[in-house]
Amino acid sequence: MKLRTPMPEITGATEWLNGEVSREDLVGDKPTLIHFWSVSCGMCKEAMPQINQFRDDYADELNVIAVHMPRSEKDLDLEQIKEVAEEHGITQSIFVDNEHKLTDAFENEYVPAYYVFDAEGNLRHFQAGGSGMKMLTKRVNRVLGK
């Protein structure tokens, strides 16, 4: 996805955990951070406390949505996804993307991956990999006008 591209429709989930959201719920009100993760991804689990911190610290200013992107057959187990989400305190909505519909809409190939959209729903920042939380924090603060 190129910068300034509008957020794709948030459709095609095989399951929603912690409540379903749509593109309409996310655009127009406040910026959104969408993070892709997988139960088999160690870096994703290491980054989760920082993502949860964004969710908690910016609760009134930022939408935070998780997308579970399976990397293998073993990652398709919904019970395991629920278990890992609970272990790592993922209380935000989780789009379970077992058919890679949202993954494909985002042209995403990585976990963890982070997409920051402004309030109008345009992509302002993308990054992949476990490091670079300082940069992600900087970009989130920028879209929040801080």
N, C-alpha and C. Protein backbone atom coordinates (compact mmCIF):
# COMPACT_ATOMS: atom_id res chain seq x y z
N MET A 1 0.83 -1.19 0.00
CA MET A 1 0.00 0.00 0.00
C MET A 1 0.87 1.25 0.00
N LYS A 2 0.52 2.18 -0.84
CA LYS A 2 1.27 3.43 -0.89
C LYS A 2 0.74 4.41 0.15
N LEU A 3 1.63 5.31 0.59
CA LEU A 3 1.21 6.36 1.51
C LEU A 3 0.08 7.17 0.88
N ARG A 4 -0.80 7.66 1.72
CA ARG A 4 -1.97 8.45 1.35
C ARG A 4 -3.08 7.64 0.67
N THR A 5 -2.88 6.32 0.53
CA THR A 5 -3.93 5.46 -0.01
C THR A 5 -5.05 5.35 1.03
N PRO A 6 -6.31 5.40 0.57
CA PRO A 6 -7.41 5.24 1.52
C PRO A 6 -7.44 3.84 2.13
N MET A 7 -7.89 3.77 3.36
CA MET A 7 -8.02 2.49 4.05
C MET A 7 -8.97 1.58 3.28
N PRO A 8 -8.57 0.33 3.07
CA PRO A 8 -9.49 -0.61 2.40
C PRO A 8 -10.69 -0.92 3.30
N GLU A 9 -11.73 -1.49 2.72
CA GLU A 9 -12.86 -1.96 3.51
C GLU A 9 -12.36 -3.03 4.46
N ILE A 10 -12.89 -3.06 5.65
CA ILE A 10 -12.47 -4.04 6.66
C ILE A 10 -13.47 -5.21 6.61
N THR A 11 -13.35 -6.02 5.56
CA THR A 11 -14.30 -7.12 5.34
C THR A 11 -13.57 -8.42 5.05
N GLY A 12 -14.30 -9.53 5.18
CA GLY A 12 -13.75 -10.83 4.84
C GLY A 12 -13.21 -11.62 6.01
N ALA A 13 -13.48 -11.17 7.23
CA ALA A 13 -12.97 -11.90 8.41
C ALA A 13 -13.60 -13.29 8.48
N THR A 14 -12.78 -14.26 8.84
CA THR A 14 -13.34 -15.59 9.10
C THR A 14 -13.98 -15.59 10.49
N GLU A 15 -13.56 -14.64 11.31
CA GLU A 15 -14.08 -14.50 12.68
C GLU A 15 -13.64 -13.13 13.22
N TRP A 16 -14.45 -12.56 14.10
CA TRP A 16 -14.07 -11.36 14.85
C TRP A 16 -13.98 -11.74 16.31
N LEU A 17 -12.94 -11.29 16.98
CA LEU A 17 -12.83 -11.46 18.43
C LEU A 17 -12.87 -10.07 19.05
N ASN A 18 -13.49 -9.93 20.20
CA ASN A 18 -13.57 -8.65 20.94
C ASN A 18 -14.38 -7.59 20.20
N GLY A 19 -15.31 -8.00 19.36
CA GLY A 19 -16.18 -7.03 18.68
C GLY A 19 -15.75 -6.71 17.27
N GLU A 20 -16.74 -6.56 16.41
CA GLU A 20 -16.51 -6.28 14.99
C GLU A 20 -16.50 -4.78 14.72
N VAL A 21 -15.65 -4.35 13.82
CA VAL A 21 -15.64 -2.95 13.38
C VAL A 21 -15.63 -2.91 11.85
N SER A 22 -16.10 -1.79 11.31
CA SER A 22 -16.07 -1.60 9.86
C SER A 22 -15.24 -0.37 9.54
N ARG A 23 -14.95 -0.19 8.28
CA ARG A 23 -14.21 0.99 7.84
C ARG A 23 -14.94 2.26 8.29
N GLU A 24 -16.27 2.25 8.20
CA GLU A 24 -17.08 3.41 8.58
C GLU A 24 -16.89 3.74 10.06
N ASP A 25 -16.69 2.71 10.88
CA ASP A 25 -16.46 2.95 12.32
C ASP A 25 -15.13 3.65 12.57
N LEU A 26 -14.17 3.46 11.66
CA LEU A 26 -12.81 3.92 11.88
C LEU A 26 -12.48 5.26 11.22
N VAL A 27 -13.19 5.59 10.16
CA VAL A 27 -12.83 6.79 9.38
C VAL A 27 -13.72 7.96 9.75
N GLY A 28 -13.10 9.14 9.84
CA GLY A 28 -13.86 10.37 10.06
C GLY A 28 -13.82 10.87 11.48
N ASP A 29 -13.49 10.00 12.42
CA ASP A 29 -13.54 10.38 13.82
C ASP A 29 -12.15 10.63 14.38
N LYS A 30 -11.28 9.63 14.28
CA LYS A 30 -9.93 9.74 14.82
C LYS A 30 -9.00 8.81 14.04
N PRO A 31 -7.68 9.02 14.17
CA PRO A 31 -6.72 8.16 13.47
C PRO A 31 -6.83 6.70 13.92
N THR A 32 -6.26 5.81 13.12
CA THR A 32 -6.35 4.37 13.38
C THR A 32 -4.99 3.71 13.21
N LEU A 33 -4.66 2.84 14.13
CA LEU A 33 -3.49 1.98 14.02
C LEU A 33 -3.99 0.56 13.81
N ILE A 34 -3.62 -0.04 12.70
CA ILE A 34 -3.97 -1.44 12.42
C ILE A 34 -2.69 -2.24 12.45
N HIS A 35 -2.65 -3.24 13.31
CA HIS A 35 -1.44 -4.06 13.39
C HIS A 35 -1.74 -5.51 13.04
N PHE A 36 -0.89 -6.05 12.16
CA PHE A 36 -0.98 -7.44 11.74
C PHE A 36 -0.04 -8.26 12.62
N TRP A 37 -0.51 -9.40 13.09
CA TRP A 37 0.28 -10.27 13.95
C TRP A 37 -0.10 -11.71 13.66
N SER A 38 0.66 -12.63 14.22
CA SER A 38 0.37 -14.05 14.06
C SER A 38 0.78 -14.80 15.32
N VAL A 39 0.05 -15.87 15.65
CA VAL A 39 0.36 -16.63 16.85
C VAL A 39 1.75 -17.26 16.79
N SER A 40 2.26 -17.50 15.59
CA SER A 40 3.57 -18.13 15.45
C SER A 40 4.72 -17.12 15.35
N CYS A 41 4.41 -15.85 15.57
CA CYS A 41 5.41 -14.78 15.40
C CYS A 41 5.91 -14.29 16.75
N GLY A 42 7.15 -14.62 17.08
CA GLY A 42 7.75 -14.19 18.34
C GLY A 42 7.87 -12.68 18.44
N MET A 43 8.28 -12.03 17.34
CA MET A 43 8.42 -10.56 17.34
C MET A 43 7.08 -9.88 17.62
N CYS A 44 5.99 -10.47 17.08
CA CYS A 44 4.66 -9.91 17.31
C CYS A 44 4.34 -9.90 18.80
N LYS A 45 4.65 -11.02 19.46
CA LYS A 45 4.36 -11.13 20.89
C LYS A 45 5.21 -10.17 21.70
N GLU A 46 6.47 -9.99 21.29
CA GLU A 46 7.35 -9.04 21.99
C GLU A 46 6.84 -7.61 21.87
N ALA A 47 6.25 -7.28 20.71
CA ALA A 47 5.78 -5.91 20.47
C ALA A 47 4.41 -5.63 21.09
N MET A 48 3.69 -6.69 21.45
CA MET A 48 2.32 -6.53 21.93
C MET A 48 2.17 -5.58 23.11
N PRO A 49 3.05 -5.61 24.13
CA PRO A 49 2.87 -4.65 25.23
C PRO A 49 2.89 -3.19 24.75
N GLN A 50 3.72 -2.89 23.76
CA GLN A 50 3.76 -1.51 23.26
C GLN A 50 2.49 -1.16 22.50
N ILE A 51 1.96 -2.11 21.74
CA ILE A 51 0.70 -1.86 21.02
C ILE A 51 -0.42 -1.67 22.03
N ASN A 52 -0.45 -2.50 23.07
CA ASN A 52 -1.48 -2.36 24.11
C ASN A 52 -1.34 -1.01 24.82
N GLN A 53 -0.11 -0.55 24.95
CA GLN A 53 0.14 0.77 25.56
C GLN A 53 -0.48 1.88 24.71
N PHE A 54 -0.30 1.79 23.38
CA PHE A 54 -0.96 2.76 22.48
C PHE A 54 -2.46 2.73 22.71
N ARG A 55 -3.01 1.52 22.71
CA ARG A 55 -4.46 1.35 22.88
C ARG A 55 -4.93 2.02 24.17
N ASP A 56 -4.18 1.80 25.26
CA ASP A 56 -4.60 2.33 26.56
C ASP A 56 -4.31 3.82 26.71
N ASP A 57 -3.11 4.25 26.31
CA ASP A 57 -2.72 5.65 26.48
C ASP A 57 -3.53 6.60 25.60
N TYR A 58 -3.91 6.13 24.41
CA TYR A 58 -4.60 6.99 23.44
C TYR A 58 -6.04 6.54 23.22
N ALA A 59 -6.64 5.92 24.22
CA ALA A 59 -7.97 5.32 24.07
C ALA A 59 -9.00 6.29 23.47
N ASP A 60 -8.93 7.56 23.84
CA ASP A 60 -9.93 8.52 23.34
C ASP A 60 -9.54 9.17 22.02
N GLU A 61 -8.29 8.93 21.59
CA GLU A 61 -7.78 9.65 20.41
C GLU A 61 -7.42 8.75 19.23
N LEU A 62 -7.34 7.43 19.46
CA LEU A 62 -6.80 6.53 18.45
C LEU A 62 -7.56 5.22 18.45
N ASN A 63 -7.98 4.78 17.26
CA ASN A 63 -8.54 3.43 17.12
C ASN A 63 -7.37 2.46 16.97
N VAL A 64 -7.43 1.34 17.66
CA VAL A 64 -6.40 0.30 17.52
C VAL A 64 -7.11 -1.01 17.19
N ILE A 65 -6.74 -1.59 16.05
CA ILE A 65 -7.35 -2.83 15.58
C ILE A 65 -6.24 -3.84 15.30
N ALA A 66 -6.48 -5.08 15.71
CA ALA A 66 -5.53 -6.17 15.45
C ALA A 66 -6.05 -7.02 14.29
N VAL A 67 -5.12 -7.49 13.46
CA VAL A 67 -5.47 -8.42 12.39
C VAL A 67 -4.58 -9.64 12.56
N HIS A 68 -5.21 -10.79 12.79
CA HIS A 68 -4.43 -12.03 12.89
C HIS A 68 -4.25 -12.60 11.49
N MET A 69 -2.99 -12.64 11.05
CA MET A 69 -2.63 -13.12 9.72
C MET A 69 -1.89 -14.45 9.86
N PRO A 70 -2.53 -15.57 9.54
CA PRO A 70 -1.84 -16.86 9.69
C PRO A 70 -0.68 -17.00 8.71
N ARG A 71 0.40 -17.61 9.21
CA ARG A 71 1.57 -17.84 8.36
C ARG A 71 1.70 -19.30 7.96
N SER A 72 0.91 -20.16 8.59
CA SER A 72 0.95 -21.59 8.26
C SER A 72 -0.38 -22.22 8.67
N GLU A 73 -0.57 -23.48 8.32
CA GLU A 73 -1.79 -24.20 8.69
C GLU A 73 -2.02 -24.17 10.20
N LYS A 74 -0.94 -24.30 10.98
CA LYS A 74 -1.05 -24.33 12.44
C LYS A 74 -1.63 -23.02 12.99
N ASP A 75 -1.42 -21.93 12.27
CA ASP A 75 -1.90 -20.62 12.73
C ASP A 75 -3.41 -20.42 12.54
N LEU A 76 -4.09 -21.40 11.93
CA LEU A 76 -5.52 -21.27 11.64
C LEU A 76 -6.41 -21.65 12.83
N ASP A 77 -5.83 -22.21 13.87
CA ASP A 77 -6.57 -22.70 15.03
C ASP A 77 -7.13 -21.54 15.85
N LEU A 78 -8.44 -21.37 15.79
CA LEU A 78 -9.10 -20.24 16.45
C LEU A 78 -8.90 -20.27 17.96
N GLU A 79 -8.92 -21.45 18.55
CA GLU A 79 -8.72 -21.55 20.00
C GLU A 79 -7.32 -21.06 20.39
N GLN A 80 -6.34 -21.39 19.58
CA GLN A 80 -4.97 -20.93 19.86
C GLN A 80 -4.88 -19.41 19.71
N ILE A 81 -5.55 -18.87 18.71
CA ILE A 81 -5.56 -17.41 18.52
C ILE A 81 -6.18 -16.74 19.75
N LYS A 82 -7.30 -17.27 20.22
CA LYS A 82 -7.96 -16.72 21.42
C LYS A 82 -7.04 -16.81 22.64
N GLU A 83 -6.36 -17.94 22.76
CA GLU A 83 -5.46 -18.17 23.90
C GLU A 83 -4.30 -17.16 23.90
N VAL A 84 -3.65 -17.01 22.75
CA VAL A 84 -2.51 -16.09 22.64
C VAL A 84 -2.99 -14.65 22.85
N ALA A 85 -4.14 -14.30 22.29
CA ALA A 85 -4.69 -12.95 22.47
C ALA A 85 -4.92 -12.67 23.95
N GLU A 86 -5.46 -13.65 24.66
CA GLU A 86 -5.70 -13.46 26.08
C GLU A 86 -4.39 -13.36 26.86
N GLU A 87 -3.44 -14.24 26.55
CA GLU A 87 -2.13 -14.22 27.21
C GLU A 87 -1.43 -12.88 27.07
N HIS A 88 -1.61 -12.24 25.91
CA HIS A 88 -0.90 -11.00 25.62
C HIS A 88 -1.77 -9.76 25.77
N GLY A 89 -2.93 -9.93 26.36
CA GLY A 89 -3.78 -8.78 26.70
C GLY A 89 -4.34 -8.04 25.51
N ILE A 90 -4.62 -8.75 24.41
CA ILE A 90 -5.20 -8.09 23.24
C ILE A 90 -6.70 -7.98 23.45
N THR A 91 -7.14 -6.82 23.91
CA THR A 91 -8.56 -6.62 24.18
C THR A 91 -9.24 -5.83 23.06
N GLN A 92 -8.43 -5.26 22.15
CA GLN A 92 -9.02 -4.55 21.01
C GLN A 92 -9.62 -5.57 20.03
N SER A 93 -10.42 -5.09 19.11
CA SER A 93 -11.02 -5.96 18.11
C SER A 93 -9.94 -6.68 17.33
N ILE A 94 -10.17 -7.98 17.09
CA ILE A 94 -9.23 -8.78 16.31
C ILE A 94 -9.96 -9.34 15.10
N PHE A 95 -9.48 -8.96 13.94
CA PHE A 95 -9.97 -9.47 12.66
C PHE A 95 -9.17 -10.74 12.38
N VAL A 96 -9.82 -11.89 12.40
CA VAL A 96 -9.13 -13.15 12.10
C VAL A 96 -9.19 -13.36 10.59
N ASP A 97 -8.02 -13.30 9.96
CA ASP A 97 -7.92 -13.27 8.50
C ASP A 97 -7.41 -14.60 7.93
N ASN A 98 -8.10 -15.69 8.27
CA ASN A 98 -7.62 -17.01 7.84
C ASN A 98 -7.61 -17.20 6.33
N GLU A 99 -8.35 -16.38 5.61
CA GLU A 99 -8.36 -16.49 4.14
C GLU A 99 -7.53 -15.38 3.48
N HIS A 100 -6.82 -14.60 4.28
CA HIS A 100 -5.94 -13.53 3.80
C HIS A 100 -6.66 -12.46 2.97
N LYS A 101 -7.96 -12.28 3.20
CA LYS A 101 -8.71 -11.28 2.42
C LYS A 101 -8.26 -9.86 2.76
N LEU A 102 -8.13 -9.54 4.05
CA LEU A 102 -7.69 -8.20 4.43
C LEU A 102 -6.19 -8.06 4.18
N THR A 103 -5.45 -9.12 4.42
CA THR A 103 -4.01 -9.13 4.15
C THR A 103 -3.76 -8.75 2.69
N ASP A 104 -4.54 -9.34 1.79
CA ASP A 104 -4.40 -9.03 0.36
C ASP A 104 -4.84 -7.61 0.04
N ALA A 105 -5.93 -7.16 0.67
CA ALA A 105 -6.41 -5.79 0.44
C ALA A 105 -5.35 -4.77 0.86
N PHE A 106 -4.60 -5.09 1.91
CA PHE A 106 -3.53 -4.20 2.38
C PHE A 106 -2.21 -4.45 1.65
N GLU A 107 -2.18 -5.49 0.79
CA GLU A 107 -0.95 -5.90 0.11
C GLU A 107 0.15 -6.16 1.15
N ASN A 108 -0.25 -6.74 2.27
CA ASN A 108 0.69 -6.97 3.37
C ASN A 108 1.35 -8.34 3.26
N GLU A 109 2.65 -8.36 3.52
CA GLU A 109 3.41 -9.61 3.48
C GLU A 109 4.09 -9.92 4.80
N TYR A 110 3.91 -9.07 5.80
CA TYR A 110 4.73 -9.17 7.01
C TYR A 110 3.92 -9.24 8.29
N VAL A 111 4.50 -9.90 9.28
CA VAL A 111 4.06 -9.78 10.67
C VAL A 111 5.31 -9.62 11.51
N PRO A 112 5.35 -8.76 12.47
CA PRO A 112 4.33 -7.74 12.67
C PRO A 112 4.41 -6.66 11.59
N ALA A 113 3.27 -6.05 11.34
CA ALA A 113 3.20 -4.91 10.41
C ALA A 113 2.24 -3.90 11.00
N TYR A 114 2.56 -2.64 10.80
CA TYR A 114 1.79 -1.55 11.41
C TYR A 114 1.39 -0.54 10.35
N TYR A 115 0.11 -0.22 10.31
CA TYR A 115 -0.43 0.77 9.38
C TYR A 115 -1.08 1.87 10.20
N VAL A 116 -0.65 3.10 9.99
CA VAL A 116 -1.22 4.25 10.70
C VAL A 116 -1.99 5.08 9.69
N PHE A 117 -3.29 5.24 9.94
CA PHE A 117 -4.16 6.02 9.08
C PHE A 117 -4.57 7.29 9.81
N ASP A 118 -4.70 8.40 9.06
CA ASP A 118 -5.19 9.63 9.68
C ASP A 118 -6.70 9.54 9.87
N ALA A 119 -7.29 10.56 10.46
CA ALA A 119 -8.73 10.53 10.76
C ALA A 119 -9.59 10.40 9.50
N GLU A 120 -9.06 10.86 8.37
CA GLU A 120 -9.80 10.76 7.10
C GLU A 120 -9.65 9.37 6.48
N GLY A 121 -8.82 8.51 7.09
CA GLY A 121 -8.67 7.15 6.59
C GLY A 121 -7.59 6.98 5.54
N ASN A 122 -6.65 7.93 5.46
CA ASN A 122 -5.55 7.81 4.50
C ASN A 122 -4.29 7.30 5.19
N LEU A 123 -3.59 6.41 4.52
CA LEU A 123 -2.39 5.82 5.09
C LEU A 123 -1.30 6.87 5.26
N ARG A 124 -0.80 7.02 6.48
CA ARG A 124 0.24 8.01 6.76
C ARG A 124 1.58 7.37 7.10
N HIS A 125 1.55 6.10 7.53
CA HIS A 125 2.80 5.43 7.90
C HIS A 125 2.60 3.93 7.83
N PHE A 126 3.64 3.24 7.35
CA PHE A 126 3.66 1.78 7.35
C PHE A 126 5.03 1.35 7.83
N GLN A 127 5.06 0.32 8.67
CA GLN A 127 6.34 -0.28 9.00
C GLN A 127 6.13 -1.74 9.34
N ALA A 128 7.17 -2.52 9.11
CA ALA A 128 7.11 -3.96 9.38
C ALA A 128 8.32 -4.34 10.22
N GLY A 129 8.16 -5.41 10.98
CA GLY A 129 9.25 -5.89 11.81
C GLY A 129 9.07 -5.51 13.26
N GLY A 130 9.88 -6.13 14.09
CA GLY A 130 9.71 -5.98 15.53
C GLY A 130 10.33 -4.74 16.13
N SER A 131 11.30 -4.16 15.45
CA SER A 131 11.96 -3.00 16.05
C SER A 131 11.31 -1.72 15.54
N GLY A 132 11.81 -0.60 15.97
CA GLY A 132 11.30 0.66 15.46
C GLY A 132 10.08 1.20 16.16
N MET A 133 9.89 0.81 17.42
CA MET A 133 8.73 1.33 18.16
C MET A 133 8.83 2.84 18.36
N LYS A 134 10.06 3.35 18.44
CA LYS A 134 10.22 4.82 18.59
C LYS A 134 9.65 5.52 17.35
N MET A 135 9.96 4.97 16.18
CA MET A 135 9.46 5.56 14.93
C MET A 135 7.93 5.45 14.88
N LEU A 136 7.40 4.31 15.26
CA LEU A 136 5.94 4.13 15.25
C LEU A 136 5.29 5.13 16.21
N THR A 137 5.88 5.29 17.39
CA THR A 137 5.36 6.25 18.37
C THR A 137 5.36 7.67 17.78
N LYS A 138 6.45 8.00 17.12
CA LYS A 138 6.59 9.33 16.50
C LYS A 138 5.49 9.55 15.46
N ARG A 139 5.26 8.54 14.61
CA ARG A 139 4.24 8.66 13.54
C ARG A 139 2.84 8.72 14.12
N VAL A 140 2.58 7.93 15.15
CA VAL A 140 1.25 7.97 15.78
C VAL A 140 1.04 9.36 16.39
N ASN A 141 2.05 9.86 17.09
CA ASN A 141 1.94 11.20 17.67
C ASN A 141 1.74 12.26 16.60
N ARG A 142 2.37 12.08 15.46
CA ARG A 142 2.21 13.07 14.37
C ARG A 142 0.77 13.10 13.87
N VAL A 143 0.15 11.91 13.64
CA VAL A 143 -1.23 11.92 13.17
C VAL A 143 -2.19 12.40 14.26
N LEU A 144 -1.75 12.31 15.52
CA LEU A 144 -2.58 12.81 16.62
C LEU A 144 -2.35 14.29 16.86
N GLY A 145 -1.41 14.89 16.11
CA GLY A 145 -1.12 16.30 16.25
C GLY A 145 -0.39 16.65 17.52
N LYS A 146 0.42 15.72 18.03
CA LYS A 146 1.17 15.95 19.29
C LYS A 146 2.60 16.38 19.00
